[in-house]
Amino acid sequence: MLYLDTSVLVSTLTNEADTSMVQTWLSCQNVRDLVISDWLVTEFSSALSVQMRTGQLSVAGVALVSMALEPHVEISLAGRS
């Protein structure tokens, strides 16, 4: 199992300096080996709020990125059962 840190998903789903590298790395991983913490959604929301306050994301952008997170959470939860 590989714990997927919140910062990895933030970088994967937003436009950051390392987004391309992180997306490439993530695409090479076995989804069944990836695990996220129960706190990830809270931490992810906090990170998006910071990006919104600093002008990196709009309110609409936050909504789109938040929706893009849902499949990652569902995959991780399904792997726990």
C-alpha atoms as a PDB file:
ATOM      1  CA  MET A   1       0.000   0.000   0.000  1.00  0.00           C
ATOM      2  CA  LEU A   2       1.083   3.546  -0.728  1.00  0.00           C
ATOM      3  CA  TYR A   3      -0.362   6.456   1.242  1.00  0.00           C
ATOM      4  CA  LEU A   4      -1.323   9.246  -1.132  1.00  0.00           C
ATOM      5  CA  ASP A   5      -0.682  12.613   0.494  1.00  0.00           C
ATOM      6  CA  THR A   6      -3.180  15.425   0.028  1.00  0.00           C
ATOM      7  CA  SER A   7      -0.555  17.539  -1.741  1.00  0.00           C
ATOM      8  CA  VAL A   8      -0.257  14.904  -4.473  1.00  0.00           C
ATOM      9  CA  LEU A   9      -3.952  15.097  -5.294  1.00  0.00           C
ATOM     10  CA  VAL A  10      -3.988  18.894  -5.058  1.00  0.00           C
ATOM     11  CA  SER A  11      -1.111  19.048  -7.531  1.00  0.00           C
ATOM     12  CA  THR A  12      -2.738  16.430  -9.758  1.00  0.00           C
ATOM     13  CA  LEU A  13      -6.050  18.258  -9.984  1.00  0.00           C
ATOM     14  CA  THR A  14      -4.904  21.891 -10.046  1.00  0.00           C
ATOM     15  CA  ASN A  15      -2.390  23.814 -12.109  1.00  0.00           C
ATOM     16  CA  GLU A  16       0.857  23.848 -10.125  1.00  0.00           C
ATOM     17  CA  ALA A  17       4.527  23.790 -11.120  1.00  0.00           C
ATOM     18  CA  ASP A  18       4.780  20.021 -10.549  1.00  0.00           C
ATOM     19  CA  THR A  19       1.353  19.044 -11.905  1.00  0.00           C
ATOM     20  CA  SER A  20       2.659  17.334 -15.049  1.00  0.00           C
ATOM     21  CA  MET A  21       5.286  15.350 -13.131  1.00  0.00           C
ATOM     22  CA  VAL A  22       2.798  14.285 -10.447  1.00  0.00           C
ATOM     23  CA  GLN A  23       0.172  13.288 -13.033  1.00  0.00           C
ATOM     24  CA  THR A  24       2.756  11.169 -14.865  1.00  0.00           C
ATOM     25  CA  TRP A  25       3.840   9.488 -11.636  1.00  0.00           C
ATOM     26  CA  LEU A  26       0.259   8.839 -10.575  1.00  0.00           C
ATOM     27  CA  SER A  27      -0.650   7.341 -13.961  1.00  0.00           C
ATOM     28  CA  CYS A  28       2.097   4.740 -13.465  1.00  0.00           C
ATOM     29  CA  GLN A  29       0.745   3.576 -10.088  1.00  0.00           C
ATOM     30  CA  ASN A  30      -1.543   0.637  -9.450  1.00  0.00           C
ATOM     31  CA  VAL A  31      -4.750   2.245  -8.180  1.00  0.00           C
ATOM     32  CA  ARG A  32      -5.366  -0.657  -5.817  1.00  0.00           C
ATOM     33  CA  ASP A  33      -2.089   0.115  -4.028  1.00  0.00           C
ATOM     34  CA  LEU A  34      -3.029   3.745  -3.315  1.00  0.00           C
ATOM     35  CA  VAL A  35      -4.703   4.721  -0.061  1.00  0.00           C
ATOM     36  CA  ILE A  36      -5.915   8.103   1.139  1.00  0.00           C
ATOM     37  CA  SER A  37      -6.605   9.141   4.705  1.00  0.00           C
ATOM     38  CA  ASP A  38     -10.006   9.958   6.097  1.00  0.00           C
ATOM     39  CA  TRP A  39      -8.734  13.520   6.546  1.00  0.00           C
ATOM     40  CA  LEU A  40      -7.888  13.997   2.873  1.00  0.00           C
ATOM     41  CA  VAL A  41     -11.185  15.649   1.931  1.00  0.00           C
ATOM     42  CA  THR A  42     -10.829  18.170   4.763  1.00  0.00           C
ATOM     43  CA  GLU A  43      -7.180  18.887   3.938  1.00  0.00           C
ATOM     44  CA  PHE A  44      -7.995  19.088   0.221  1.00  0.00           C
ATOM     45  CA  SER A  45     -10.791  21.605   0.856  1.00  0.00           C
ATOM     46  CA  SER A  46      -8.444  23.688   2.977  1.00  0.00           C
ATOM     47  CA  ALA A  47      -5.794  23.703   0.232  1.00  0.00           C
ATOM     48  CA  LEU A  48      -8.368  24.789  -2.350  1.00  0.00           C
ATOM     49  CA  SER A  49      -9.553  27.553  -0.033  1.00  0.00           C
ATOM     50  CA  VAL A  50      -5.997  28.860   0.182  1.00  0.00           C
ATOM     51  CA  GLN A  51      -5.716  28.779  -3.610  1.00  0.00           C
ATOM     52  CA  MET A  52      -8.996  30.672  -3.909  1.00  0.00           C
ATOM     53  CA  ARG A  53      -7.954  33.321  -1.377  1.00  0.00           C
ATOM     54  CA  THR A  54      -4.639  33.837  -3.196  1.00  0.00           C
ATOM     55  CA  GLY A  55      -6.347  34.145  -6.584  1.00  0.00           C
ATOM     56  CA  GLN A  56      -5.035  30.876  -8.009  1.00  0.00           C
ATOM     57  CA  LEU A  57      -8.547  29.421  -8.309  1.00  0.00           C
ATOM     58  CA  SER A  58     -11.975  30.962  -8.776  1.00  0.00           C
ATOM     59  CA  VAL A  59     -15.074  29.782  -6.933  1.00  0.00           C
ATOM     60  CA  ALA A  60     -16.085  27.889 -10.083  1.00  0.00           C
ATOM     61  CA  GLY A  61     -12.582  26.402 -10.287  1.00  0.00           C
ATOM     62  CA  VAL A  62     -12.826  25.160  -6.713  1.00  0.00           C
ATOM     63  CA  ALA A  63     -16.157  23.491  -7.521  1.00  0.00           C
ATOM     64  CA  LEU A  64     -14.697  21.769 -10.605  1.00  0.00           C
ATOM     65  CA  VAL A  65     -11.594  20.550  -8.783  1.00  0.00           C
ATOM     66  CA  SER A  66     -13.709  19.329  -5.864  1.00  0.00           C
ATOM     67  CA  MET A  67     -15.855  17.286  -8.249  1.00  0.00           C
ATOM     68  CA  ALA A  68     -12.713  15.862  -9.839  1.00  0.00           C
ATOM     69  CA  LEU A  69     -11.615  14.585  -6.410  1.00  0.00           C
ATOM     70  CA  GLU A  70     -14.713  12.404  -5.923  1.00  0.00           C
ATOM     71  CA  PRO A  71     -13.596   9.446  -8.105  1.00  0.00           C
ATOM     72  CA  HIS A  72     -10.262   9.279  -6.246  1.00  0.00           C
ATOM     73  CA  VAL A  73     -12.049   9.109  -2.905  1.00  0.00           C
ATOM     74  CA  GLU A  74     -14.495   6.474  -4.183  1.00  0.00           C
ATOM     75  CA  ILE A  75     -11.656   4.298  -5.542  1.00  0.00           C
ATOM     76  CA  SER A  76      -9.782   4.475  -2.239  1.00  0.00           C
ATOM     77  CA  LEU A  77     -12.879   3.696  -0.180  1.00  0.00           C
ATOM     78  CA  ALA A  78     -13.764   0.766  -2.446  1.00  0.00           C
ATOM     79  CA  GLY A  79     -10.267  -0.642  -1.953  1.00  0.00           C
ATOM     80  CA  ARG A  80     -10.719  -0.744   1.822  1.00  0.00           C
ATOM     81  CA  SER A  81     -13.593  -3.203   1.771  1.00  0.00           C
END
